[in-house]
Amino acid sequence: LMLSNRPEFVEASLGTLALGAQVVPLN
């Protein structure tokens, strides 16, 4: 995720975790 603070960051992060996948957030 190369996103600023926004709803899409939250939904994509939690959607990723819901799949048992790993979130890689980047500055």
mmCIF file of all heavy atoms, coordinates in Angstrom:
data_MODEL
# 
_entry.id   MODEL 
# 
loop_
_atom_site.group_PDB 
_atom_site.id 
_atom_site.type_symbol 
_atom_site.label_atom_id 
_atom_site.label_alt_id 
_atom_site.label_comp_id 
_atom_site.label_asym_id 
_atom_site.label_entity_id 
_atom_site.label_seq_id 
_atom_site.pdbx_PDB_ins_code 
_atom_site.Cartn_x 
_atom_site.Cartn_y 
_atom_site.Cartn_z 
_atom_site.occupancy 
_atom_site.B_iso_or_equiv 
_atom_site.pdbx_formal_charge 
_atom_site.auth_seq_id 
_atom_site.auth_comp_id 
_atom_site.auth_asym_id 
_atom_site.auth_atom_id 
_atom_site.pdbx_PDB_model_num 
ATOM 1   N N   . LEU A 1 1  ? 0.856   -1.194  0.000  1.00 0.00 ? 1  LEU A N   1 
ATOM 2   C CA  . LEU A 1 1  ? 0.000   0.000   0.000  1.00 0.00 ? 1  LEU A CA  1 
ATOM 3   C C   . LEU A 1 1  ? 0.885   1.235   0.000  1.00 0.00 ? 1  LEU A C   1 
ATOM 4   O O   . LEU A 1 1  ? 1.612   1.494   0.959  1.00 0.00 ? 1  LEU A O   1 
ATOM 5   C CB  . LEU A 1 1  ? -0.892  0.025   1.243  1.00 0.00 ? 1  LEU A CB  1 
ATOM 6   C CG  . LEU A 1 1  ? -1.800  -1.183  1.475  1.00 0.00 ? 1  LEU A CG  1 
ATOM 7   C CD1 . LEU A 1 1  ? -2.629  -0.973  2.738  1.00 0.00 ? 1  LEU A CD1 1 
ATOM 8   C CD2 . LEU A 1 1  ? -2.695  -1.434  0.277  1.00 0.00 ? 1  LEU A CD2 1 
ATOM 9   N N   . MET A 1 2  ? 0.843   1.999   -1.084 1.00 0.00 ? 2  MET A N   1 
ATOM 10  C CA  . MET A 1 2  ? 1.539   3.279   -1.122 1.00 0.00 ? 2  MET A CA  1 
ATOM 11  C C   . MET A 1 2  ? 0.464   4.361   -1.156 1.00 0.00 ? 2  MET A C   1 
ATOM 12  O O   . MET A 1 2  ? 0.230   5.032   -2.161 1.00 0.00 ? 2  MET A O   1 
ATOM 13  C CB  . MET A 1 2  ? 2.476   3.377   -2.314 1.00 0.00 ? 2  MET A CB  1 
ATOM 14  C CG  . MET A 1 2  ? 3.567   4.423   -2.093 1.00 0.00 ? 2  MET A CG  1 
ATOM 15  S SD  . MET A 1 2  ? 4.962   4.228   -3.182 1.00 0.00 ? 2  MET A SD  1 
ATOM 16  C CE  . MET A 1 2  ? 6.016   5.546   -2.548 1.00 0.00 ? 2  MET A CE  1 
ATOM 17  N N   . LEU A 1 3  ? -0.201  4.498   -0.005 1.00 0.00 ? 3  LEU A N   1 
ATOM 18  C CA  . LEU A 1 3  ? -1.352  5.380   0.134  1.00 0.00 ? 3  LEU A CA  1 
ATOM 19  C C   . LEU A 1 3  ? -1.175  6.280   1.349  1.00 0.00 ? 3  LEU A C   1 
ATOM 20  O O   . LEU A 1 3  ? -0.591  5.885   2.349  1.00 0.00 ? 3  LEU A O   1 
ATOM 21  C CB  . LEU A 1 3  ? -2.641  4.565   0.315  1.00 0.00 ? 3  LEU A CB  1 
ATOM 22  C CG  . LEU A 1 3  ? -2.996  3.534   -0.765 1.00 0.00 ? 3  LEU A CG  1 
ATOM 23  C CD1 . LEU A 1 3  ? -4.213  2.746   -0.333 1.00 0.00 ? 3  LEU A CD1 1 
ATOM 24  C CD2 . LEU A 1 3  ? -3.248  4.229   -2.097 1.00 0.00 ? 3  LEU A CD2 1 
ATOM 25  N N   . SER A 1 4  ? -1.735  7.482   1.256  1.00 0.00 ? 4  SER A N   1 
ATOM 26  C CA  . SER A 1 4  ? -1.776  8.376   2.404  1.00 0.00 ? 4  SER A CA  1 
ATOM 27  C C   . SER A 1 4  ? -2.914  7.949   3.334  1.00 0.00 ? 4  SER A C   1 
ATOM 28  O O   . SER A 1 4  ? -3.620  6.975   3.048  1.00 0.00 ? 4  SER A O   1 
ATOM 29  C CB  . SER A 1 4  ? -1.975  9.819   1.929  1.00 0.00 ? 4  SER A CB  1 
ATOM 30  O OG  . SER A 1 4  ? -3.139  9.907   1.115  1.00 0.00 ? 4  SER A OG  1 
ATOM 31  N N   . ASN A 1 5  ? -3.082  8.655   4.434  1.00 0.00 ? 5  ASN A N   1 
ATOM 32  C CA  . ASN A 1 5  ? -4.187  8.344   5.354  1.00 0.00 ? 5  ASN A CA  1 
ATOM 33  C C   . ASN A 1 5  ? -5.517  8.645   4.671  1.00 0.00 ? 5  ASN A C   1 
ATOM 34  O O   . ASN A 1 5  ? -5.840  9.806   4.401  1.00 0.00 ? 5  ASN A O   1 
ATOM 35  C CB  . ASN A 1 5  ? -4.067  9.181   6.632  1.00 0.00 ? 5  ASN A CB  1 
ATOM 36  C CG  . ASN A 1 5  ? -2.942  8.717   7.528  1.00 0.00 ? 5  ASN A CG  1 
ATOM 37  O OD1 . ASN A 1 5  ? -2.108  7.920   7.119  1.00 0.00 ? 5  ASN A OD1 1 
ATOM 38  N ND2 . ASN A 1 5  ? -2.906  9.220   8.749  1.00 0.00 ? 5  ASN A ND2 1 
ATOM 39  N N   . ARG A 1 6  ? -6.289  7.623   4.414  1.00 0.00 ? 6  ARG A N   1 
ATOM 40  C CA  . ARG A 1 6  ? -7.578  7.748   3.732  1.00 0.00 ? 6  ARG A CA  1 
ATOM 41  C C   . ARG A 1 6  ? -8.358  6.457   3.947  1.00 0.00 ? 6  ARG A C   1 
ATOM 42  O O   . ARG A 1 6  ? -7.765  5.423   4.302  1.00 0.00 ? 6  ARG A O   1 
ATOM 43  C CB  . ARG A 1 6  ? -7.381  8.036   2.235  1.00 0.00 ? 6  ARG A CB  1 
ATOM 44  C CG  . ARG A 1 6  ? -6.516  7.021   1.517  1.00 0.00 ? 6  ARG A CG  1 
ATOM 45  C CD  . ARG A 1 6  ? -6.151  7.456   0.096  1.00 0.00 ? 6  ARG A CD  1 
ATOM 46  N NE  . ARG A 1 6  ? -7.329  7.553   -0.743 1.00 0.00 ? 6  ARG A NE  1 
ATOM 47  C CZ  . ARG A 1 6  ? -7.324  8.116   -1.950 1.00 0.00 ? 6  ARG A CZ  1 
ATOM 48  N NH1 . ARG A 1 6  ? -6.207  8.645   -2.451 1.00 0.00 ? 6  ARG A NH1 1 
ATOM 49  N NH2 . ARG A 1 6  ? -8.429  8.182   -2.663 1.00 0.00 ? 6  ARG A NH2 1 
ATOM 50  N N   . PRO A 1 7  ? -9.666  6.461   3.737  1.00 0.00 ? 7  PRO A N   1 
ATOM 51  C CA  . PRO A 1 7  ? -10.455 5.242   3.968  1.00 0.00 ? 7  PRO A CA  1 
ATOM 52  C C   . PRO A 1 7  ? -9.967  4.039   3.176  1.00 0.00 ? 7  PRO A C   1 
ATOM 53  O O   . PRO A 1 7  ? -10.032 2.897   3.655  1.00 0.00 ? 7  PRO A O   1 
ATOM 54  C CB  . PRO A 1 7  ? -11.874 5.665   3.552  1.00 0.00 ? 7  PRO A CB  1 
ATOM 55  C CG  . PRO A 1 7  ? -11.910 7.136   3.821  1.00 0.00 ? 7  PRO A CG  1 
ATOM 56  C CD  . PRO A 1 7  ? -10.537 7.633   3.451  1.00 0.00 ? 7  PRO A CD  1 
ATOM 57  N N   . GLU A 1 8  ? -9.469  4.274   1.964  1.00 0.00 ? 8  GLU A N   1 
ATOM 58  C CA  . GLU A 1 8  ? -9.005  3.155   1.139  1.00 0.00 ? 8  GLU A CA  1 
ATOM 59  C C   . GLU A 1 8  ? -7.828  2.428   1.782  1.00 0.00 ? 8  GLU A C   1 
ATOM 60  O O   . GLU A 1 8  ? -7.666  1.223   1.582  1.00 0.00 ? 8  GLU A O   1 
ATOM 61  C CB  . GLU A 1 8  ? -8.618  3.650   -0.262 1.00 0.00 ? 8  GLU A CB  1 
ATOM 62  C CG  . GLU A 1 8  ? -9.778  4.084   -1.126 1.00 0.00 ? 8  GLU A CG  1 
ATOM 63  C CD  . GLU A 1 8  ? -10.205 5.525   -0.879 1.00 0.00 ? 8  GLU A CD  1 
ATOM 64  O OE1 . GLU A 1 8  ? -9.639  6.188   0.034  1.00 0.00 ? 8  GLU A OE1 1 
ATOM 65  O OE2 . GLU A 1 8  ? -11.098 6.004   -1.599 1.00 0.00 ? 8  GLU A OE2 1 
ATOM 66  N N   . PHE A 1 9  ? -6.996  3.152   2.527  1.00 0.00 ? 9  PHE A N   1 
ATOM 67  C CA  . PHE A 1 9  ? -5.896  2.497   3.239  1.00 0.00 ? 9  PHE A CA  1 
ATOM 68  C C   . PHE A 1 9  ? -6.448  1.514   4.259  1.00 0.00 ? 9  PHE A C   1 
ATOM 69  O O   . PHE A 1 9  ? -5.976  0.374   4.371  1.00 0.00 ? 9  PHE A O   1 
ATOM 70  C CB  . PHE A 1 9  ? -5.019  3.546   3.933  1.00 0.00 ? 9  PHE A CB  1 
ATOM 71  C CG  . PHE A 1 9  ? -3.774  2.976   4.570  1.00 0.00 ? 9  PHE A CG  1 
ATOM 72  C CD1 . PHE A 1 9  ? -2.536  3.143   3.976  1.00 0.00 ? 9  PHE A CD1 1 
ATOM 73  C CD2 . PHE A 1 9  ? -3.840  2.255   5.763  1.00 0.00 ? 9  PHE A CD2 1 
ATOM 74  C CE1 . PHE A 1 9  ? -1.379  2.599   4.556  1.00 0.00 ? 9  PHE A CE1 1 
ATOM 75  C CE2 . PHE A 1 9  ? -2.705  1.724   6.347  1.00 0.00 ? 9  PHE A CE2 1 
ATOM 76  C CZ  . PHE A 1 9  ? -1.472  1.895   5.745  1.00 0.00 ? 9  PHE A CZ  1 
ATOM 77  N N   . VAL A 1 10 ? -7.452  1.957   4.999  1.00 0.00 ? 10 VAL A N   1 
ATOM 78  C CA  . VAL A 1 10 ? -8.034  1.116   6.048  1.00 0.00 ? 10 VAL A CA  1 
ATOM 79  C C   . VAL A 1 10 ? -8.723  -0.103  5.450  1.00 0.00 ? 10 VAL A C   1 
ATOM 80  O O   . VAL A 1 10 ? -8.490  -1.243  5.866  1.00 0.00 ? 10 VAL A O   1 
ATOM 81  C CB  . VAL A 1 10 ? -9.025  1.932   6.906  1.00 0.00 ? 10 VAL A CB  1 
ATOM 82  C CG1 . VAL A 1 10 ? -9.688  1.042   7.959  1.00 0.00 ? 10 VAL A CG1 1 
ATOM 83  C CG2 . VAL A 1 10 ? -8.310  3.100   7.579  1.00 0.00 ? 10 VAL A CG2 1 
ATOM 84  N N   . GLU A 1 11 ? -9.562  0.117   4.436  1.00 0.00 ? 11 GLU A N   1 
ATOM 85  C CA  . GLU A 1 11 ? -10.327 -1.003  3.882  1.00 0.00 ? 11 GLU A CA  1 
ATOM 86  C C   . GLU A 1 11 ? -9.418  -2.009  3.168  1.00 0.00 ? 11 GLU A C   1 
ATOM 87  O O   . GLU A 1 11 ? -9.633  -3.222  3.262  1.00 0.00 ? 11 GLU A O   1 
ATOM 88  C CB  . GLU A 1 11 ? -11.410 -0.496  2.939  1.00 0.00 ? 11 GLU A CB  1 
ATOM 89  C CG  . GLU A 1 11 ? -10.903 0.160   1.677  1.00 0.00 ? 11 GLU A CG  1 
ATOM 90  C CD  . GLU A 1 11 ? -11.938 0.995   0.955  1.00 0.00 ? 11 GLU A CD  1 
ATOM 91  O OE1 . GLU A 1 11 ? -12.834 1.539   1.604  1.00 0.00 ? 11 GLU A OE1 1 
ATOM 92  O OE2 . GLU A 1 11 ? -11.816 1.113   -0.286 1.00 0.00 ? 11 GLU A OE2 1 
ATOM 93  N N   . ALA A 1 12 ? -8.387  -1.507  2.476  1.00 0.00 ? 12 ALA A N   1 
ATOM 94  C CA  . ALA A 1 12 ? -7.468  -2.417  1.788  1.00 0.00 ? 12 ALA A CA  1 
ATOM 95  C C   . ALA A 1 12 ? -6.624  -3.202  2.787  1.00 0.00 ? 12 ALA A C   1 
ATOM 96  O O   . ALA A 1 12 ? -6.364  -4.398  2.594  1.00 0.00 ? 12 ALA A O   1 
ATOM 97  C CB  . ALA A 1 12 ? -6.580  -1.644  0.823  1.00 0.00 ? 12 ALA A CB  1 
ATOM 98  N N   . SER A 1 13 ? -6.181  -2.534  3.859  1.00 0.00 ? 13 SER A N   1 
ATOM 99  C CA  . SER A 1 13 ? -5.401  -3.222  4.893  1.00 0.00 ? 13 SER A CA  1 
ATOM 100 C C   . SER A 1 13 ? -6.214  -4.348  5.525  1.00 0.00 ? 13 SER A C   1 
ATOM 101 O O   . SER A 1 13 ? -5.754  -5.492  5.642  1.00 0.00 ? 13 SER A O   1 
ATOM 102 C CB  . SER A 1 13 ? -4.968  -2.240  5.982  1.00 0.00 ? 13 SER A CB  1 
ATOM 103 O OG  . SER A 1 13 ? -4.065  -1.283  5.492  1.00 0.00 ? 13 SER A OG  1 
ATOM 104 N N   . LEU A 1 14 ? -7.428  -4.017  5.940  1.00 0.00 ? 14 LEU A N   1 
ATOM 105 C CA  . LEU A 1 14 ? -8.260  -5.005  6.624  1.00 0.00 ? 14 LEU A CA  1 
ATOM 106 C C   . LEU A 1 14 ? -8.760  -6.082  5.663  1.00 0.00 ? 14 LEU A C   1 
ATOM 107 O O   . LEU A 1 14 ? -8.927  -7.237  6.049  1.00 0.00 ? 14 LEU A O   1 
ATOM 108 C CB  . LEU A 1 14 ? -9.415  -4.304  7.327  1.00 0.00 ? 14 LEU A CB  1 
ATOM 109 C CG  . LEU A 1 14 ? -8.978  -3.342  8.445  1.00 0.00 ? 14 LEU A CG  1 
ATOM 110 C CD1 . LEU A 1 14 ? -10.164 -2.575  9.003  1.00 0.00 ? 14 LEU A CD1 1 
ATOM 111 C CD2 . LEU A 1 14 ? -8.261  -4.100  9.559  1.00 0.00 ? 14 LEU A CD2 1 
ATOM 112 N N   . GLY A 1 15 ? -8.988  -5.708  4.407  1.00 0.00 ? 15 GLY A N   1 
ATOM 113 C CA  . GLY A 1 15 ? -9.350  -6.705  3.398  1.00 0.00 ? 15 GLY A CA  1 
ATOM 114 C C   . GLY A 1 15 ? -8.217  -7.693  3.165  1.00 0.00 ? 15 GLY A C   1 
ATOM 115 O O   . GLY A 1 15 ? -8.441  -8.893  2.999  1.00 0.00 ? 15 GLY A O   1 
ATOM 116 N N   . THR A 1 16 ? -6.989  -7.183  3.174  1.00 0.00 ? 16 THR A N   1 
ATOM 117 C CA  . THR A 1 16 ? -5.808  -8.038  3.037  1.00 0.00 ? 16 THR A CA  1 
ATOM 118 C C   . THR A 1 16 ? -5.707  -9.007  4.209  1.00 0.00 ? 16 THR A C   1 
ATOM 119 O O   . THR A 1 16 ? -5.518  -10.221 4.026  1.00 0.00 ? 16 THR A O   1 
ATOM 120 C CB  . THR A 1 16 ? -4.530  -7.177  2.970  1.00 0.00 ? 16 THR A CB  1 
ATOM 121 O OG1 . THR A 1 16 ? -4.598  -6.315  1.822  1.00 0.00 ? 16 THR A OG1 1 
ATOM 122 C CG2 . THR A 1 16 ? -3.292  -8.053  2.872  1.00 0.00 ? 16 THR A CG2 1 
ATOM 123 N N   . LEU A 1 17 ? -5.853  -8.489  5.414  1.00 0.00 ? 17 LEU A N   1 
ATOM 124 C CA  . LEU A 1 17 ? -5.760  -9.329  6.610  1.00 0.00 ? 17 LEU A CA  1 
ATOM 125 C C   . LEU A 1 17 ? -6.885  -10.357 6.657  1.00 0.00 ? 17 LEU A C   1 
ATOM 126 O O   . LEU A 1 17 ? -6.701  -11.469 7.162  1.00 0.00 ? 17 LEU A O   1 
ATOM 127 C CB  . LEU A 1 17 ? -5.783  -8.462  7.864  1.00 0.00 ? 17 LEU A CB  1 
ATOM 128 C CG  . LEU A 1 17 ? -4.618  -7.477  8.024  1.00 0.00 ? 17 LEU A CG  1 
ATOM 129 C CD1 . LEU A 1 17 ? -4.775  -6.667  9.293  1.00 0.00 ? 17 LEU A CD1 1 
ATOM 130 C CD2 . LEU A 1 17 ? -3.284  -8.214  8.017  1.00 0.00 ? 17 LEU A CD2 1 
ATOM 131 N N   . ALA A 1 18 ? -8.052  -9.983  6.136  1.00 0.00 ? 18 ALA A N   1 
ATOM 132 C CA  . ALA A 1 18 ? -9.178  -10.922 6.113  1.00 0.00 ? 18 ALA A CA  1 
ATOM 133 C C   . ALA A 1 18 ? -8.885  -12.150 5.255  1.00 0.00 ? 18 ALA A C   1 
ATOM 134 O O   . ALA A 1 18 ? -9.459  -13.218 5.477  1.00 0.00 ? 18 ALA A O   1 
ATOM 135 C CB  . ALA A 1 18 ? -10.430 -10.205 5.607  1.00 0.00 ? 18 ALA A CB  1 
ATOM 136 N N   . LEU A 1 19 ? -7.986  -12.003 4.276  1.00 0.00 ? 19 LEU A N   1 
ATOM 137 C CA  . LEU A 1 19 ? -7.618  -13.122 3.406  1.00 0.00 ? 19 LEU A CA  1 
ATOM 138 C C   . LEU A 1 19 ? -6.500  -13.974 3.996  1.00 0.00 ? 19 LEU A C   1 
ATOM 139 O O   . LEU A 1 19 ? -6.115  -14.987 3.397  1.00 0.00 ? 19 LEU A O   1 
ATOM 140 C CB  . LEU A 1 19 ? -7.164  -12.584 2.042  1.00 0.00 ? 19 LEU A CB  1 
ATOM 141 C CG  . LEU A 1 19 ? -8.213  -11.911 1.177  1.00 0.00 ? 19 LEU A CG  1 
ATOM 142 C CD1 . LEU A 1 19 ? -7.566  -11.340 -0.086 1.00 0.00 ? 19 LEU A CD1 1 
ATOM 143 C CD2 . LEU A 1 19 ? -9.333  -12.872 0.805  1.00 0.00 ? 19 LEU A CD2 1 
ATOM 144 N N   . GLY A 1 20 ? -5.954  -13.543 5.146  1.00 0.00 ? 20 GLY A N   1 
ATOM 145 C CA  . GLY A 1 20 ? -4.789  -14.231 5.677  1.00 0.00 ? 20 GLY A CA  1 
ATOM 146 C C   . GLY A 1 20 ? -3.523  -13.814 4.958  1.00 0.00 ? 20 GLY A C   1 
ATOM 147 O O   . GLY A 1 20 ? -2.478  -14.469 5.068  1.00 0.00 ? 20 GLY A O   1 
ATOM 148 N N   . ALA A 1 21 ? -3.606  -12.702 4.215  1.00 0.00 ? 21 ALA A N   1 
ATOM 149 C CA  . ALA A 1 21 ? -2.450  -12.171 3.491  1.00 0.00 ? 21 ALA A CA  1 
ATOM 150 C C   . ALA A 1 21 ? -1.747  -11.120 4.352  1.00 0.00 ? 21 ALA A C   1 
ATOM 151 O O   . ALA A 1 21 ? -2.182  -10.803 5.457  1.00 0.00 ? 21 ALA A O   1 
ATOM 152 C CB  . ALA A 1 21 ? -2.891  -11.574 2.155  1.00 0.00 ? 21 ALA A CB  1 
ATOM 153 N N   . GLN A 1 22 ? -0.651  -10.577 3.828  1.00 0.00 ? 22 GLN A N   1 
ATOM 154 C CA  . GLN A 1 22 ? 0.191   -9.658  4.592  1.00 0.00 ? 22 GLN A CA  1 
ATOM 155 C C   . GLN A 1 22 ? 0.157   -8.250  3.994  1.00 0.00 ? 22 GLN A C   1 
ATOM 156 O O   . GLN A 1 22 ? 0.271   -8.092  2.779  1.00 0.00 ? 22 GLN A O   1 
ATOM 157 C CB  . GLN A 1 22 ? 1.627   -10.169 4.621  1.00 0.00 ? 22 GLN A CB  1 
ATOM 158 C CG  . GLN A 1 22 ? 1.768   -11.560 5.233  1.00 0.00 ? 22 GLN A CG  1 
ATOM 159 C CD  . GLN A 1 22 ? 3.125   -12.166 5.003  1.00 0.00 ? 22 GLN A CD  1 
ATOM 160 O OE1 . GLN A 1 22 ? 4.113   -11.468 4.754  1.00 0.00 ? 22 GLN A OE1 1 
ATOM 161 N NE2 . GLN A 1 22 ? 3.202   -13.492 5.097  1.00 0.00 ? 22 GLN A NE2 1 
ATOM 162 N N   . VAL A 1 23 ? 0.014   -7.255  4.869  1.00 0.00 ? 23 VAL A N   1 
ATOM 163 C CA  . VAL A 1 23 ? 0.035   -5.858  4.457  1.00 0.00 ? 23 VAL A CA  1 
ATOM 164 C C   . VAL A 1 23 ? 1.473   -5.360  4.468  1.00 0.00 ? 23 VAL A C   1 
ATOM 165 O O   . VAL A 1 23 ? 2.211   -5.579  5.438  1.00 0.00 ? 23 VAL A O   1 
ATOM 166 C CB  . VAL A 1 23 ? -0.819  -4.984  5.400  1.00 0.00 ? 23 VAL A CB  1 
ATOM 167 C CG1 . VAL A 1 23 ? -0.823  -3.530  4.929  1.00 0.00 ? 23 VAL A CG1 1 
ATOM 168 C CG2 . VAL A 1 23 ? -2.242  -5.518  5.496  1.00 0.00 ? 23 VAL A CG2 1 
ATOM 169 N N   . VAL A 1 24 ? 1.861   -4.671  3.379  1.00 0.00 ? 24 VAL A N   1 
ATOM 170 C CA  . VAL A 1 24 ? 3.191   -4.053  3.297  1.00 0.00 ? 24 VAL A CA  1 
ATOM 171 C C   . VAL A 1 24 ? 2.978   -2.555  3.068  1.00 0.00 ? 24 VAL A C   1 
ATOM 172 O O   . VAL A 1 24 ? 2.886   -2.095  1.938  1.00 0.00 ? 24 VAL A O   1 
ATOM 173 C CB  . VAL A 1 24 ? 4.038   -4.658  2.160  1.00 0.00 ? 24 VAL A CB  1 
ATOM 174 C CG1 . VAL A 1 24 ? 5.476   -4.123  2.217  1.00 0.00 ? 24 VAL A CG1 1 
ATOM 175 C CG2 . VAL A 1 24 ? 4.030   -6.185  2.222  1.00 0.00 ? 24 VAL A CG2 1 
ATOM 176 N N   . PRO A 1 25 ? 2.869   -1.767  4.139  1.00 0.00 ? 25 PRO A N   1 
ATOM 177 C CA  . PRO A 1 25 ? 2.618   -0.329  3.980  1.00 0.00 ? 25 PRO A CA  1 
ATOM 178 C C   . PRO A 1 25 ? 3.915   0.425   3.711  1.00 0.00 ? 25 PRO A C   1 
ATOM 179 O O   . PRO A 1 25 ? 4.934   0.182   4.357  1.00 0.00 ? 25 PRO A O   1 
ATOM 180 C CB  . PRO A 1 25 ? 2.025   0.067   5.341  1.00 0.00 ? 25 PRO A CB  1 
ATOM 181 C CG  . PRO A 1 25 ? 2.613   -0.898  6.312  1.00 0.00 ? 25 PRO A CG  1 
ATOM 182 C CD  . PRO A 1 25 ? 2.901   -2.171  5.560  1.00 0.00 ? 25 PRO A CD  1 
ATOM 183 N N   . LEU A 1 26 ? 3.866   1.343   2.736  1.00 0.00 ? 26 LEU A N   1 
ATOM 184 C CA  . LEU A 1 26 ? 5.055   2.117   2.387  1.00 0.00 ? 26 LEU A CA  1 
ATOM 185 C C   . LEU A 1 26 ? 4.829   3.606   2.597  1.00 0.00 ? 26 LEU A C   1 
ATOM 186 O O   . LEU A 1 26 ? 3.736   4.123   2.340  1.00 0.00 ? 26 LEU A O   1 
ATOM 187 C CB  . LEU A 1 26 ? 5.450   1.883   0.924  1.00 0.00 ? 26 LEU A CB  1 
ATOM 188 C CG  . LEU A 1 26 ? 5.845   0.468   0.509  1.00 0.00 ? 26 LEU A CG  1 
ATOM 189 C CD1 . LEU A 1 26 ? 6.396   0.474   -0.905 1.00 0.00 ? 26 LEU A CD1 1 
ATOM 190 C CD2 . LEU A 1 26 ? 6.851   -0.136  1.465  1.00 0.00 ? 26 LEU A CD2 1 
ATOM 191 N N   . ASN A 1 27 ? 5.873   4.279   3.028  1.00 0.00 ? 27 ASN A N   1 
ATOM 192 C CA  . ASN A 1 27 ? 5.858   5.733   3.154  1.00 0.00 ? 27 ASN A CA  1 
ATOM 193 C C   . ASN A 1 27 ? 5.679   6.345   1.762  1.00 0.00 ? 27 ASN A C   1 
ATOM 194 O O   . ASN A 1 27 ? 6.409   5.994   0.822  1.00 0.00 ? 27 ASN A O   1 
ATOM 195 C CB  . ASN A 1 27 ? 7.189   6.186   3.772  1.00 0.00 ? 27 ASN A CB  1 
ATOM 196 C CG  . ASN A 1 27 ? 7.204   7.653   4.134  1.00 0.00 ? 27 ASN A CG  1 
ATOM 197 O OD1 . ASN A 1 27 ? 6.608   8.485   3.458  1.00 0.00 ? 27 ASN A OD1 1 
ATOM 198 N ND2 . ASN A 1 27 ? 7.913   7.986   5.201  1.00 0.00 ? 27 ASN A ND2 1 
# 
